[in-house]
PDB file of all heavy atoms in Angstrom:
ATOM      1  N   GLU A   1     117.265  32.398  38.268  1.00  0.00           N
ATOM      2  CA  GLU A   1     116.918  33.761  38.712  1.00  0.00           C
ATOM      3  C   GLU A   1     118.111  34.444  39.303  1.00  0.00           C
ATOM      4  O   GLU A   1     118.345  35.660  39.096  1.00  0.00           O
ATOM      5  CB  GLU A   1     115.759  33.732  39.660  1.00  0.00           C
ATOM      6  CG  GLU A   1     115.126  35.088  39.964  1.00  0.00           C
ATOM      7  CD  GLU A   1     114.459  35.712  38.743  1.00  0.00           C
ATOM      8  OE1 GLU A   1     114.084  34.958  37.809  1.00  0.00           O
ATOM      9  OE2 GLU A   1     114.281  36.955  38.714  1.00  0.00           O
ATOM     10  N   ILE A   2     118.871  33.744  40.115  1.00  0.00           N
ATOM     11  CA  ILE A   2     120.134  34.358  40.680  1.00  0.00           C
ATOM     12  C   ILE A   2     121.067  34.763  39.602  1.00  0.00           C
ATOM     13  O   ILE A   2     121.704  35.843  39.657  1.00  0.00           O
ATOM     14  CB  ILE A   2     120.820  33.352  41.641  1.00  0.00           C
ATOM     15  CG1 ILE A   2     119.962  33.121  42.899  1.00  0.00           C
ATOM     16  CG2 ILE A   2     122.184  33.832  42.046  1.00  0.00           C
ATOM     17  CD1 ILE A   2     120.503  32.008  43.802  1.00  0.00           C
ATOM     18  N   ARG A   3     121.222  33.927  38.567  1.00  0.00           N
ATOM     19  CA  ARG A   3     122.122  34.282  37.428  1.00  0.00           C
ATOM     20  C   ARG A   3     121.612  35.530  36.739  1.00  0.00           C
ATOM     21  O   ARG A   3     122.428  36.427  36.405  1.00  0.00           O
ATOM     22  CB  ARG A   3     122.116  33.068  36.460  1.00  0.00           C
ATOM     23  CG  ARG A   3     123.144  33.269  35.350  1.00  0.00           C
ATOM     24  CD  ARG A   3     123.249  31.987  34.481  1.00  0.00           C
ATOM     25  NE  ARG A   3     123.908  30.890  35.198  1.00  0.00           N
ATOM     26  CZ  ARG A   3     123.334  29.751  35.523  1.00  0.00           C
ATOM     27  NH1 ARG A   3     122.043  29.546  35.253  1.00  0.00           N
ATOM     28  NH2 ARG A   3     124.003  28.815  36.169  1.00  0.00           N
ATOM     29  N   LEU A   4     120.350  35.643  36.550  1.00  0.00           N
ATOM     30  CA  LEU A   4     119.758  36.844  35.889  1.00  0.00           C
ATOM     31  C   LEU A   4     119.999  38.092  36.736  1.00  0.00           C
ATOM     32  O   LEU A   4     120.434  39.131  36.183  1.00  0.00           O
ATOM     33  CB  LEU A   4     118.269  36.635  35.630  1.00  0.00           C
ATOM     34  CG  LEU A   4     117.505  37.849  35.062  1.00  0.00           C
ATOM     35  CD1 LEU A   4     118.022  38.154  33.675  1.00  0.00           C
ATOM     36  CD2 LEU A   4     115.998  37.515  34.993  1.00  0.00           C
ATOM     37  N   VAL A   5     119.760  38.007  38.044  1.00  0.00           N
ATOM     38  CA  VAL A   5     119.941  39.157  38.928  1.00  0.00           C
ATOM     39  C   VAL A   5     121.427  39.552  38.998  1.00  0.00           C
ATOM     40  O   VAL A   5     121.768  40.710  39.044  1.00  0.00           O
ATOM     41  CB  VAL A   5     119.425  38.836  40.333  1.00  0.00           C
ATOM     42  CG1 VAL A   5     119.784  39.957  41.306  1.00  0.00           C
ATOM     43  CG2 VAL A   5     117.890  38.674  40.271  1.00  0.00           C
ATOM     44  N   PHE A   6     122.346  38.526  38.979  1.00  0.00           N
ATOM     45  CA  PHE A   6     123.748  38.842  38.925  1.00  0.00           C
ATOM     46  C   PHE A   6     124.081  39.723  37.715  1.00  0.00           C
ATOM     47  O   PHE A   6     124.818  40.709  37.865  1.00  0.00           O
ATOM     48  CB  PHE A   6     124.584  37.525  38.897  1.00  0.00           C
ATOM     49  CG  PHE A   6     126.073  37.749  38.834  1.00  0.00           C
ATOM     50  CD1 PHE A   6     126.828  37.793  39.976  1.00  0.00           C
ATOM     51  CD2 PHE A   6     126.687  37.881  37.622  1.00  0.00           C
ATOM     52  CE1 PHE A   6     128.221  37.988  39.941  1.00  0.00           C
ATOM     53  CE2 PHE A   6     128.114  38.052  37.540  1.00  0.00           C
ATOM     54  CZ  PHE A   6     128.824  38.118  38.724  1.00  0.00           C
ATOM     55  N   LEU A   7     123.642  39.363  36.564  1.00  0.00           N
ATOM     56  CA  LEU A   7     123.898  40.131  35.373  1.00  0.00           C
ATOM     57  C   LEU A   7     123.271  41.533  35.431  1.00  0.00           C
ATOM     58  O   LEU A   7     123.846  42.480  34.970  1.00  0.00           O
ATOM     59  CB  LEU A   7     123.376  39.397  34.126  1.00  0.00           C
ATOM     60  CG  LEU A   7     124.105  38.056  33.761  1.00  0.00           C
ATOM     61  CD1 LEU A   7     123.304  37.268  32.726  1.00  0.00           C
ATOM     62  CD2 LEU A   7     125.508  38.327  33.328  1.00  0.00           C
ATOM     63  N   GLN A   8     122.089  41.637  36.049  1.00  0.00           N
ATOM     64  CA  GLN A   8     121.434  42.948  36.168  1.00  0.00           C
ATOM     65  C   GLN A   8     122.207  43.798  37.202  1.00  0.00           C
ATOM     66  O   GLN A   8     122.123  45.009  37.117  1.00  0.00           O
ATOM     67  CB  GLN A   8     119.987  42.765  36.658  1.00  0.00           C
ATOM     68  CG  GLN A   8     119.028  42.281  35.563  1.00  0.00           C
ATOM     69  CD  GLN A   8     117.615  42.206  36.093  1.00  0.00           C
ATOM     70  OE1 GLN A   8     117.174  41.132  36.589  1.00  0.00           O
ATOM     71  NE2 GLN A   8     116.949  43.305  36.150  1.00  0.00           N
ATOM     72  N   THR A   9     122.895  43.156  38.072  1.00  0.00           N
ATOM     73  CA  THR A   9     123.579  43.934  39.158  1.00  0.00           C
ATOM     74  C   THR A   9     125.011  44.327  38.764  1.00  0.00           C
ATOM     75  O   THR A   9     125.444  45.433  38.957  1.00  0.00           O
ATOM     76  CB  THR A   9     123.672  43.098  40.468  1.00  0.00           C
ATOM     77  OG1 THR A   9     122.312  42.701  40.871  1.00  0.00           O
ATOM     78  CG2 THR A   9     124.293  43.912  41.571  1.00  0.00           C
ATOM     79  N   PHE A  10     125.711  43.399  38.098  1.00  0.00           N
ATOM     80  CA  PHE A  10     127.144  43.593  37.857  1.00  0.00           C
ATOM     81  C   PHE A  10     127.489  43.692  36.375  1.00  0.00           C
ATOM     82  O   PHE A  10     128.612  44.002  36.000  1.00  0.00           O
ATOM     83  CB  PHE A  10     127.972  42.451  38.495  1.00  0.00           C
ATOM     84  CG  PHE A  10     127.799  42.311  39.958  1.00  0.00           C
ATOM     85  CD1 PHE A  10     127.015  41.336  40.484  1.00  0.00           C
ATOM     86  CD2 PHE A  10     128.364  43.243  40.848  1.00  0.00           C
ATOM     87  CE1 PHE A  10     126.812  41.187  41.868  1.00  0.00           C
ATOM     88  CE2 PHE A  10     128.209  43.123  42.213  1.00  0.00           C
ATOM     89  CZ  PHE A  10     127.419  42.116  42.696  1.00  0.00           C
ATOM     90  N   GLY A  11     126.479  43.450  35.486  1.00  0.00           N
ATOM     91  CA  GLY A  11     126.778  43.563  34.072  1.00  0.00           C
ATOM     92  C   GLY A  11     127.312  42.261  33.496  1.00  0.00           C
ATOM     93  O   GLY A  11     127.419  41.242  34.172  1.00  0.00           O
ATOM     94  N   THR A  12     127.654  42.324  32.185  1.00  0.00           N
ATOM     95  CA  THR A  12     128.143  41.153  31.483  1.00  0.00           C
ATOM     96  C   THR A  12     129.388  40.573  32.068  1.00  0.00           C
ATOM     97  O   THR A  12     130.261  41.287  32.609  1.00  0.00           O
ATOM     98  CB  THR A  12     128.391  41.487  30.002  1.00  0.00           C
ATOM     99  OG1 THR A  12     128.870  40.313  29.304  1.00  0.00           O
ATOM    100  CG2 THR A  12     129.374  42.581  29.830  1.00  0.00           C
ATOM    101  N   THR A  13     129.557  39.267  31.984  1.00  0.00           N
ATOM    102  CA  THR A  13     130.700  38.577  32.485  1.00  0.00           C
ATOM    103  C   THR A  13     131.854  38.505  31.469  1.00  0.00           C
ATOM    104  O   THR A  13     132.955  38.094  31.792  1.00  0.00           O
ATOM    105  CB  THR A  13     130.419  37.165  32.910  1.00  0.00           C
ATOM    106  OG1 THR A  13     129.910  36.409  31.787  1.00  0.00           O
ATOM    107  CG2 THR A  13     129.329  37.173  34.023  1.00  0.00           C
ATOM    108  N   TRP A  14     131.599  38.942  30.252  1.00  0.00           N
ATOM    109  CA  TRP A  14     132.607  38.848  29.202  1.00  0.00           C
ATOM    110  C   TRP A  14     133.872  39.610  29.493  1.00  0.00           C
ATOM    111  O   TRP A  14     134.965  39.197  29.075  1.00  0.00           O
ATOM    112  CB  TRP A  14     132.011  39.301  27.886  1.00  0.00           C
ATOM    113  CG  TRP A  14     131.125  38.310  27.244  1.00  0.00           C
ATOM    114  CD1 TRP A  14     129.825  38.014  27.630  1.00  0.00           C
ATOM    115  CD2 TRP A  14     131.422  37.371  26.210  1.00  0.00           C
ATOM    116  NE1 TRP A  14     129.308  36.976  26.876  1.00  0.00           N
ATOM    117  CE2 TRP A  14     130.266  36.563  25.970  1.00  0.00           C
ATOM    118  CE3 TRP A  14     132.566  37.160  25.433  1.00  0.00           C
ATOM    119  CZ2 TRP A  14     130.256  35.557  24.995  1.00  0.00           C
ATOM    120  CZ3 TRP A  14     132.543  36.142  24.465  1.00  0.00           C
ATOM    121  CH2 TRP A  14     131.371  35.371  24.282  1.00  0.00           C
ATOM    122  N   CYS A  15     133.750  40.715  30.233  1.00  0.00           N
ATOM    123  CA  CYS A  15     134.929  41.466  30.577  1.00  0.00           C
ATOM    124  C   CYS A  15     135.479  41.167  31.934  1.00  0.00           C
ATOM    125  O   CYS A  15     136.380  41.868  32.437  1.00  0.00           O
ATOM    126  CB  CYS A  15     134.578  42.979  30.484  1.00  0.00           C
ATOM    127  SG  CYS A  15     133.219  43.502  31.473  1.00  0.00           S
ATOM    128  N   MET A  16     134.939  40.147  32.606  1.00  0.00           N
ATOM    129  CA  MET A  16     135.411  39.777  33.934  1.00  0.00           C
ATOM    130  C   MET A  16     136.473  38.757  33.848  1.00  0.00           C
ATOM    131  O   MET A  16     136.604  37.990  32.853  1.00  0.00           O
ATOM    132  CB  MET A  16     134.248  39.188  34.806  1.00  0.00           C
ATOM    133  CG  MET A  16     133.151  40.187  35.134  1.00  0.00           C
ATOM    134  SD  MET A  16     131.878  39.451  36.188  1.00  0.00           S
ATOM    135  CE  MET A  16     130.689  40.794  36.317  1.00  0.00           C
ATOM    136  N   ASP A  17     137.340  38.670  34.848  1.00  0.00           N
ATOM    137  CA  ASP A  17     138.345  37.597  34.929  1.00  0.00           C
ATOM    138  C   ASP A  17     137.659  36.256  35.031  1.00  0.00           C
ATOM    139  O   ASP A  17     136.664  36.119  35.739  1.00  0.00           O
ATOM    140  CB  ASP A  17     139.238  37.824  36.159  1.00  0.00           C
ATOM    141  CG  ASP A  17     140.148  39.042  36.035  1.00  0.00           C
ATOM    142  OD1 ASP A  17     140.622  39.306  34.933  1.00  0.00           O
ATOM    143  OD2 ASP A  17     140.368  39.733  37.044  1.00  0.00           O
ATOM    144  N   ASP A  18     138.206  35.287  34.326  1.00  0.00           N
ATOM    145  CA  ASP A  18     137.546  33.990  34.284  1.00  0.00           C
ATOM    146  C   ASP A  18     137.681  33.192  35.584  1.00  0.00           C
ATOM    147  O   ASP A  18     137.132  32.125  35.734  1.00  0.00           O
ATOM    148  CB  ASP A  18     138.037  33.149  33.096  1.00  0.00           C
ATOM    149  CG  ASP A  18     139.529  32.880  33.112  1.00  0.00           C
ATOM    150  OD1 ASP A  18     140.170  33.162  34.122  1.00  0.00           O
ATOM    151  OD2 ASP A  18     140.073  32.421  32.062  1.00  0.00           O
ATOM    152  N   ASP A  19     138.483  33.732  36.530  1.00  0.00           N
ATOM    153  CA  ASP A  19     138.549  33.120  37.844  1.00  0.00           C
ATOM    154  C   ASP A  19     137.894  33.982  38.921  1.00  0.00           C
ATOM    155  O   ASP A  19     138.235  33.828  40.124  1.00  0.00           O
ATOM    156  CB  ASP A  19     140.000  32.790  38.225  1.00  0.00           C
ATOM    157  CG  ASP A  19     140.940  33.968  38.157  1.00  0.00           C
ATOM    158  OD1 ASP A  19     140.479  35.036  37.614  1.00  0.00           O
ATOM    159  OD2 ASP A  19     142.112  33.835  38.611  1.00  0.00           O
ATOM    160  N   MET A  20     136.978  34.851  38.533  1.00  0.00           N
ATOM    161  CA  MET A  20     136.215  35.636  39.466  1.00  0.00           C
ATOM    162  C   MET A  20     135.424  34.719  40.381  1.00  0.00           C
ATOM    163  O   MET A  20     134.834  33.733  39.908  1.00  0.00           O
ATOM    164  CB  MET A  20     135.295  36.616  38.739  1.00  0.00           C
ATOM    165  CG  MET A  20     134.512  37.569  39.673  1.00  0.00           C
ATOM    166  SD  MET A  20     133.120  36.904  40.603  1.00  0.00           S
ATOM    167  CE  MET A  20     131.999  36.366  39.287  1.00  0.00           C
ATOM    168  N   SER A  21     135.338  35.035  41.632  1.00  0.00           N
ATOM    169  CA  SER A  21     134.498  34.251  42.551  1.00  0.00           C
ATOM    170  C   SER A  21     134.011  35.138  43.698  1.00  0.00           C
ATOM    171  O   SER A  21     134.704  36.102  44.067  1.00  0.00           O
ATOM    172  CB  SER A  21     135.212  33.069  43.094  1.00  0.00           C
ATOM    173  OG  SER A  21     136.249  33.404  43.975  1.00  0.00           O
ATOM    174  N   MET A  22     132.850  34.808  44.259  1.00  0.00           N
ATOM    175  CA  MET A  22     132.359  35.514  45.419  1.00  0.00           C
ATOM    176  C   MET A  22     131.510  34.474  46.191  1.00  0.00           C
ATOM    177  O   MET A  22     130.773  33.700  45.619  1.00  0.00           O
ATOM    178  CB  MET A  22     131.556  36.742  45.057  1.00  0.00           C
ATOM    179  CG  MET A  22     130.461  36.469  44.013  1.00  0.00           C
ATOM    180  SD  MET A  22     129.855  37.948  43.120  1.00  0.00           S
ATOM    181  CE  MET A  22     129.363  39.023  44.448  1.00  0.00           C
ATOM    182  N   VAL A  23     131.614  34.538  47.508  1.00  0.00           N
ATOM    183  CA  VAL A  23     130.872  33.580  48.363  1.00  0.00           C
ATOM    184  C   VAL A  23     130.366  34.347  49.567  1.00  0.00           C
ATOM    185  O   VAL A  23     131.095  35.182  50.137  1.00  0.00           O
ATOM    186  CB  VAL A  23     131.734  32.393  48.762  1.00  0.00           C
ATOM    187  CG1 VAL A  23     132.970  32.797  49.490  1.00  0.00           C
ATOM    188  CG2 VAL A  23     130.927  31.409  49.588  1.00  0.00           C
ATOM    189  N   TYR A  24     129.174  34.019  49.956  1.00  0.00           N
ATOM    190  CA  TYR A  24     128.548  34.662  51.136  1.00  0.00           C
ATOM    191  C   TYR A  24     128.152  33.601  52.125  1.00  0.00           C
ATOM    192  O   TYR A  24     127.432  32.617  51.790  1.00  0.00           O
ATOM    193  CB  TYR A  24     127.311  35.508  50.737  1.00  0.00           C
ATOM    194  CG  TYR A  24     126.879  36.517  51.787  1.00  0.00           C
ATOM    195  CD1 TYR A  24     127.332  37.846  51.701  1.00  0.00           C
ATOM    196  CD2 TYR A  24     126.079  36.121  52.865  1.00  0.00           C
ATOM    197  CE1 TYR A  24     126.965  38.768  52.673  1.00  0.00           C
ATOM    198  CE2 TYR A  24     125.715  37.047  53.820  1.00  0.00           C
ATOM    199  CZ  TYR A  24     126.152  38.388  53.721  1.00  0.00           C
ATOM    200  OH  TYR A  24     125.779  39.311  54.652  1.00  0.00           O
ATOM    201  N   TYR A  25     128.654  33.748  53.382  1.00  0.00           N
ATOM    202  CA  TYR A  25     128.335  32.829  54.456  1.00  0.00           C
ATOM    203  C   TYR A  25     127.250  33.437  55.321  1.00  0.00           C
ATOM    204  O   TYR A  25     127.453  34.410  56.063  1.00  0.00           O
ATOM    205  CB  TYR A  25     129.551  32.504  55.286  1.00  0.00           C
ATOM    206  CG  TYR A  25     130.651  31.794  54.500  1.00  0.00           C
ATOM    207  CD1 TYR A  25     131.653  32.525  53.893  1.00  0.00           C
ATOM    208  CD2 TYR A  25     130.694  30.437  54.416  1.00  0.00           C
ATOM    209  CE1 TYR A  25     132.624  31.923  53.126  1.00  0.00           C
ATOM    210  CE2 TYR A  25     131.686  29.794  53.726  1.00  0.00           C
ATOM    211  CZ  TYR A  25     132.646  30.535  53.048  1.00  0.00           C
ATOM    212  OH  TYR A  25     133.670  29.915  52.353  1.00  0.00           O
ATOM    213  N   TYR A  26     126.020  32.908  55.219  1.00  0.00           N
ATOM    214  CA  TYR A  26     124.929  33.437  56.061  1.00  0.00           C
ATOM    215  C   TYR A  26     125.025  32.894  57.459  1.00  0.00           C
ATOM    216  O   TYR A  26     124.744  33.639  58.440  1.00  0.00           O
ATOM    217  CB  TYR A  26     123.592  33.040  55.396  1.00  0.00           C
ATOM    218  CG  TYR A  26     123.381  33.525  54.009  1.00  0.00           C
ATOM    219  CD1 TYR A  26     123.826  32.772  52.919  1.00  0.00           C
ATOM    220  CD2 TYR A  26     122.742  34.731  53.730  1.00  0.00           C
ATOM    221  CE1 TYR A  26     123.675  33.221  51.623  1.00  0.00           C
ATOM    222  CE2 TYR A  26     122.547  35.154  52.478  1.00  0.00           C
ATOM    223  CZ  TYR A  26     123.015  34.401  51.393  1.00  0.00           C
ATOM    224  OH  TYR A  26     122.846  34.877  50.054  1.00  0.00           O
ATOM    225  N   THR A  27     125.356  31.688  57.588  1.00  0.00           N
ATOM    226  CA  THR A  27     125.656  31.048  58.884  1.00  0.00           C
ATOM    227  C   THR A  27     126.850  30.141  58.646  1.00  0.00           C
ATOM    228  O   THR A  27     127.442  30.144  57.562  1.00  0.00           O
ATOM    229  CB  THR A  27     124.460  30.156  59.342  1.00  0.00           C
ATOM    230  OG1 THR A  27     124.262  29.065  58.471  1.00  0.00           O
ATOM    231  CG2 THR A  27     123.164  30.984  59.408  1.00  0.00           C
ATOM    232  N   GLU A  28     127.241  29.395  59.655  1.00  0.00           N
ATOM    233  CA  GLU A  28     128.379  28.489  59.508  1.00  0.00           C
ATOM    234  C   GLU A  28     128.191  27.445  58.387  1.00  0.00           C
ATOM    235  O   GLU A  28     129.162  27.042  57.734  1.00  0.00           O
ATOM    236  CB  GLU A  28     128.721  27.794  60.823  1.00  0.00           C
ATOM    237  CG  GLU A  28     129.280  28.735  61.914  1.00  0.00           C
ATOM    238  CD  GLU A  28     129.697  28.000  63.143  1.00  0.00           C
ATOM    239  OE1 GLU A  28     129.531  26.718  63.168  1.00  0.00           O
ATOM    240  OE2 GLU A  28     130.171  28.645  64.083  1.00  0.00           O
ATOM    241  N   ASP A  29     126.977  27.014  58.212  1.00  0.00           N
ATOM    242  CA  ASP A  29     126.722  25.945  57.213  1.00  0.00           C
ATOM    243  C   ASP A  29     125.776  26.298  56.099  1.00  0.00           C
ATOM    244  O   ASP A  29     125.331  25.446  55.336  1.00  0.00           O
ATOM    245  CB  ASP A  29     126.250  24.681  57.933  1.00  0.00           C
ATOM    246  CG  ASP A  29     125.039  24.928  58.863  1.00  0.00           C
ATOM    247  OD1 ASP A  29     124.556  26.065  58.969  1.00  0.00           O
ATOM    248  OD2 ASP A  29     124.542  23.938  59.475  1.00  0.00           O
ATOM    249  N   ILE A  30     125.420  27.575  56.000  1.00  0.00           N
ATOM    250  CA  ILE A  30     124.594  28.048  54.893  1.00  0.00           C
ATOM    251  C   ILE A  30     125.380  29.078  54.076  1.00  0.00           C
ATOM    252  O   ILE A  30     125.738  30.143  54.612  1.00  0.00           O
ATOM    253  CB  ILE A  30     123.255  28.696  55.370  1.00  0.00           C
ATOM    254  CG1 ILE A  30     122.407  27.653  56.068  1.00  0.00           C
ATOM    255  CG2 ILE A  30     122.517  29.315  54.192  1.00  0.00           C
ATOM    256  CD1 ILE A  30     121.799  26.564  55.187  1.00  0.00           C
TER     257      ILE A  30
END
């Protein structure tokens, strides 16, 4: 479901850099 929502939010990955990354820290260990 996260993968589907990602595509709905940001569009296809075909035109993205293959080293794209994003990380969210909710707490120190989550």
